[in-house]
């Protein structure tokens, strides 16, 4: 896994809240691109069958969890 700590967050004042969906959406798309997770977000990369490709399944799970973490770090708790 690459080190993405400098590109996986937008500034706190720009985190998703009730009134900034459009602005946030455009900013977070760029974070997804920088973190190489866009295809996990859009569902283009599907999880391989764990019996046919256990390593691929493990990697997919790690990357999907990373994508979830990026999203969680870019929304407000409320």
N, C-alpha and C. Protein backbone atom coordinates (compact mmCIF):
# COMPACT_ATOMS: atom_id res chain seq x y z
N UNK A 1 0.85 -1.18 0.00
CA UNK A 1 0.00 0.00 0.00
C UNK A 1 0.89 1.24 0.00
N UNK A 2 0.54 2.17 -0.80
CA UNK A 2 1.28 3.42 -0.88
C UNK A 2 0.96 4.30 0.32
N UNK A 3 1.82 5.27 0.56
CA UNK A 3 1.58 6.24 1.62
C UNK A 3 0.76 7.39 1.05
N UNK A 4 -0.45 7.56 1.54
CA UNK A 4 -1.35 8.57 1.00
C UNK A 4 -1.75 9.61 2.04
N UNK A 5 -1.04 9.69 3.13
CA UNK A 5 -1.48 10.57 4.21
C UNK A 5 -1.59 12.03 3.77
N UNK A 6 -0.84 12.42 2.77
CA UNK A 6 -0.90 13.82 2.35
C UNK A 6 -1.98 14.09 1.31
N UNK A 7 -2.65 13.06 0.79
CA UNK A 7 -3.67 13.29 -0.24
C UNK A 7 -5.02 12.68 0.09
N UNK A 8 -5.16 12.06 1.26
CA UNK A 8 -6.41 11.35 1.52
C UNK A 8 -7.44 12.16 2.28
N UNK A 9 -7.14 13.44 2.53
CA UNK A 9 -8.09 14.28 3.27
C UNK A 9 -8.20 15.65 2.63
N UNK A 10 -9.42 16.15 2.65
CA UNK A 10 -9.61 17.55 2.30
C UNK A 10 -9.64 18.33 3.61
N UNK A 11 -9.51 19.61 3.56
CA UNK A 11 -9.46 20.38 4.79
C UNK A 11 -10.74 20.20 5.60
N UNK A 12 -10.61 20.25 6.91
CA UNK A 12 -11.76 20.02 7.79
C UNK A 12 -12.94 20.94 7.48
N UNK A 13 -12.65 22.18 7.13
CA UNK A 13 -13.75 23.11 6.84
C UNK A 13 -14.52 22.72 5.58
N UNK A 14 -13.95 21.83 4.76
CA UNK A 14 -14.62 21.39 3.54
C UNK A 14 -15.21 19.99 3.65
N UNK A 15 -15.20 19.38 4.85
CA UNK A 15 -15.80 18.07 5.03
C UNK A 15 -17.29 18.15 4.74
N UNK A 16 -17.85 17.02 4.38
CA UNK A 16 -19.27 16.97 4.04
C UNK A 16 -20.14 17.32 5.24
N UNK A 17 -21.03 18.28 5.02
CA UNK A 17 -22.05 18.65 5.99
C UNK A 17 -23.37 18.77 5.24
N UNK A 18 -24.41 19.18 5.90
CA UNK A 18 -25.74 19.23 5.29
C UNK A 18 -25.84 20.13 4.06
N UNK A 19 -25.03 21.16 3.98
CA UNK A 19 -25.26 22.18 2.95
C UNK A 19 -24.19 22.26 1.87
N UNK A 20 -23.19 21.38 1.86
CA UNK A 20 -22.11 21.54 0.88
C UNK A 20 -21.89 20.33 -0.02
N UNK A 21 -22.92 19.54 -0.27
CA UNK A 21 -22.79 18.31 -1.05
C UNK A 21 -22.07 18.53 -2.37
N UNK A 22 -22.48 19.51 -3.17
CA UNK A 22 -21.92 19.69 -4.51
C UNK A 22 -20.43 20.05 -4.47
N UNK A 23 -20.10 20.95 -3.58
CA UNK A 23 -18.70 21.36 -3.43
C UNK A 23 -17.85 20.18 -2.93
N UNK A 24 -18.34 19.46 -1.93
CA UNK A 24 -17.64 18.31 -1.37
C UNK A 24 -17.44 17.22 -2.41
N UNK A 25 -18.48 16.96 -3.17
CA UNK A 25 -18.44 15.90 -4.18
C UNK A 25 -17.31 16.14 -5.18
N UNK A 26 -17.17 17.35 -5.63
CA UNK A 26 -16.10 17.66 -6.59
C UNK A 26 -14.72 17.52 -5.95
N UNK A 27 -14.57 17.92 -4.72
CA UNK A 27 -13.28 17.80 -4.03
C UNK A 27 -12.94 16.35 -3.71
N UNK A 28 -13.92 15.58 -3.27
CA UNK A 28 -13.64 14.20 -2.87
C UNK A 28 -13.33 13.33 -4.09
N UNK A 29 -13.89 13.67 -5.24
CA UNK A 29 -13.55 12.92 -6.46
C UNK A 29 -12.05 12.98 -6.72
N UNK A 30 -11.45 14.12 -6.48
CA UNK A 30 -10.01 14.27 -6.70
C UNK A 30 -9.21 13.47 -5.67
N UNK A 31 -9.72 13.39 -4.45
CA UNK A 31 -9.07 12.56 -3.44
C UNK A 31 -9.11 11.10 -3.88
N UNK A 32 -10.26 10.66 -4.39
CA UNK A 32 -10.38 9.27 -4.86
C UNK A 32 -9.37 8.99 -5.97
N UNK A 33 -9.21 9.92 -6.88
CA UNK A 33 -8.25 9.75 -7.98
C UNK A 33 -6.83 9.67 -7.42
N UNK A 34 -6.48 10.60 -6.53
CA UNK A 34 -5.13 10.62 -5.96
C UNK A 34 -4.82 9.36 -5.17
N UNK A 35 -5.82 8.78 -4.55
CA UNK A 35 -5.63 7.57 -3.74
C UNK A 35 -5.83 6.28 -4.54
N UNK A 36 -6.09 6.39 -5.83
CA UNK A 36 -6.30 5.22 -6.69
C UNK A 36 -7.43 4.32 -6.21
N UNK A 37 -8.53 4.92 -5.78
CA UNK A 37 -9.65 4.13 -5.26
C UNK A 37 -10.96 4.39 -6.00
N UNK A 38 -10.94 5.18 -7.04
CA UNK A 38 -12.17 5.53 -7.74
C UNK A 38 -12.96 4.30 -8.17
N UNK A 39 -12.28 3.29 -8.69
CA UNK A 39 -12.99 2.11 -9.18
C UNK A 39 -13.59 1.27 -8.05
N UNK A 40 -13.07 1.41 -6.86
CA UNK A 40 -13.69 0.75 -5.71
C UNK A 40 -14.95 1.52 -5.30
N UNK A 41 -14.88 2.83 -5.37
CA UNK A 41 -16.02 3.67 -5.01
C UNK A 41 -17.18 3.46 -5.97
N UNK A 42 -16.86 3.37 -7.27
CA UNK A 42 -17.91 3.23 -8.28
C UNK A 42 -18.40 1.79 -8.45
N UNK A 43 -17.70 0.84 -7.86
CA UNK A 43 -18.09 -0.56 -7.99
C UNK A 43 -17.57 -1.23 -9.24
N UNK A 44 -16.69 -0.56 -9.98
CA UNK A 44 -16.12 -1.15 -11.19
C UNK A 44 -15.22 -2.34 -10.88
N UNK A 45 -14.55 -2.29 -9.74
CA UNK A 45 -13.73 -3.43 -9.32
C UNK A 45 -14.55 -4.22 -8.33
N UNK A 46 -14.88 -5.43 -8.71
CA UNK A 46 -15.68 -6.28 -7.83
C UNK A 46 -14.76 -7.26 -7.11
N UNK A 47 -15.23 -7.73 -5.99
CA UNK A 47 -14.45 -8.66 -5.19
C UNK A 47 -14.36 -10.00 -5.90
N UNK A 48 -13.13 -10.51 -6.06
CA UNK A 48 -13.00 -11.83 -6.67
C UNK A 48 -13.54 -12.93 -5.75
N UNK A 49 -13.82 -14.05 -6.33
CA UNK A 49 -14.29 -15.19 -5.55
C UNK A 49 -13.15 -15.67 -4.64
N UNK A 50 -13.43 -15.79 -3.36
CA UNK A 50 -12.37 -16.13 -2.41
C UNK A 50 -11.80 -17.53 -2.63
N UNK A 51 -12.56 -18.42 -3.25
CA UNK A 51 -12.06 -19.78 -3.52
C UNK A 51 -11.18 -19.82 -4.76
N UNK A 52 -11.51 -19.00 -5.76
CA UNK A 52 -10.71 -18.95 -6.98
C UNK A 52 -9.47 -18.08 -6.84
N UNK A 53 -9.56 -17.04 -6.01
CA UNK A 53 -8.47 -16.07 -5.91
C UNK A 53 -8.39 -15.52 -4.49
N UNK A 54 -7.89 -16.32 -3.54
CA UNK A 54 -7.85 -15.85 -2.16
C UNK A 54 -6.96 -14.62 -1.96
N UNK A 55 -5.85 -14.53 -2.68
CA UNK A 55 -4.99 -13.35 -2.57
C UNK A 55 -5.69 -12.12 -3.12
N UNK A 56 -6.38 -12.28 -4.24
CA UNK A 56 -7.13 -11.18 -4.83
C UNK A 56 -8.24 -10.70 -3.91
N UNK A 57 -8.90 -11.65 -3.25
CA UNK A 57 -9.96 -11.30 -2.30
C UNK A 57 -9.39 -10.53 -1.12
N UNK A 58 -8.26 -10.99 -0.61
CA UNK A 58 -7.61 -10.29 0.50
C UNK A 58 -7.24 -8.87 0.09
N UNK A 59 -6.63 -8.72 -1.08
CA UNK A 59 -6.25 -7.39 -1.56
C UNK A 59 -7.46 -6.50 -1.79
N UNK A 60 -8.53 -7.07 -2.35
CA UNK A 60 -9.74 -6.29 -2.58
C UNK A 60 -10.31 -5.79 -1.26
N UNK A 61 -10.35 -6.68 -0.26
CA UNK A 61 -10.86 -6.28 1.06
C UNK A 61 -10.04 -5.14 1.65
N UNK A 62 -8.72 -5.21 1.54
CA UNK A 62 -7.85 -4.15 2.05
C UNK A 62 -8.12 -2.83 1.33
N UNK A 63 -8.20 -2.88 0.00
CA UNK A 63 -8.43 -1.67 -0.78
C UNK A 63 -9.83 -1.10 -0.56
N UNK A 64 -10.82 -1.96 -0.44
CA UNK A 64 -12.18 -1.49 -0.19
C UNK A 64 -12.27 -0.83 1.19
N UNK A 65 -11.60 -1.42 2.17
CA UNK A 65 -11.57 -0.83 3.51
C UNK A 65 -10.86 0.52 3.49
N UNK A 66 -9.79 0.61 2.72
CA UNK A 66 -9.08 1.88 2.57
C UNK A 66 -10.02 2.93 1.96
N UNK A 67 -10.79 2.56 0.95
CA UNK A 67 -11.73 3.49 0.33
C UNK A 67 -12.76 3.96 1.36
N UNK A 68 -13.26 3.05 2.17
CA UNK A 68 -14.22 3.43 3.21
C UNK A 68 -13.59 4.39 4.21
N UNK A 69 -12.36 4.12 4.57
CA UNK A 69 -11.67 4.98 5.53
C UNK A 69 -11.48 6.39 4.98
N UNK A 70 -11.14 6.49 3.71
CA UNK A 70 -10.99 7.82 3.09
C UNK A 70 -12.31 8.58 3.17
N UNK A 71 -13.41 7.92 2.88
CA UNK A 71 -14.71 8.58 2.94
C UNK A 71 -15.02 9.02 4.37
N UNK A 72 -14.83 8.12 5.32
CA UNK A 72 -15.12 8.44 6.73
C UNK A 72 -14.31 9.64 7.20
N UNK A 73 -13.07 9.73 6.76
CA UNK A 73 -12.22 10.86 7.19
C UNK A 73 -12.58 12.18 6.53
N UNK A 74 -13.52 12.16 5.62
CA UNK A 74 -13.86 13.38 4.90
C UNK A 74 -15.32 13.79 5.04
N UNK A 75 -15.95 13.29 6.09
CA UNK A 75 -17.30 13.74 6.44
C UNK A 75 -17.29 14.14 7.91
N UNK A 76 -18.21 14.98 8.28
CA UNK A 76 -18.31 15.37 9.68
C UNK A 76 -18.98 14.25 10.48
N UNK A 77 -18.75 14.23 11.75
CA UNK A 77 -19.35 13.20 12.60
C UNK A 77 -20.87 13.29 12.60
N UNK A 78 -21.40 14.48 12.43
CA UNK A 78 -22.86 14.62 12.44
C UNK A 78 -23.47 14.15 11.14
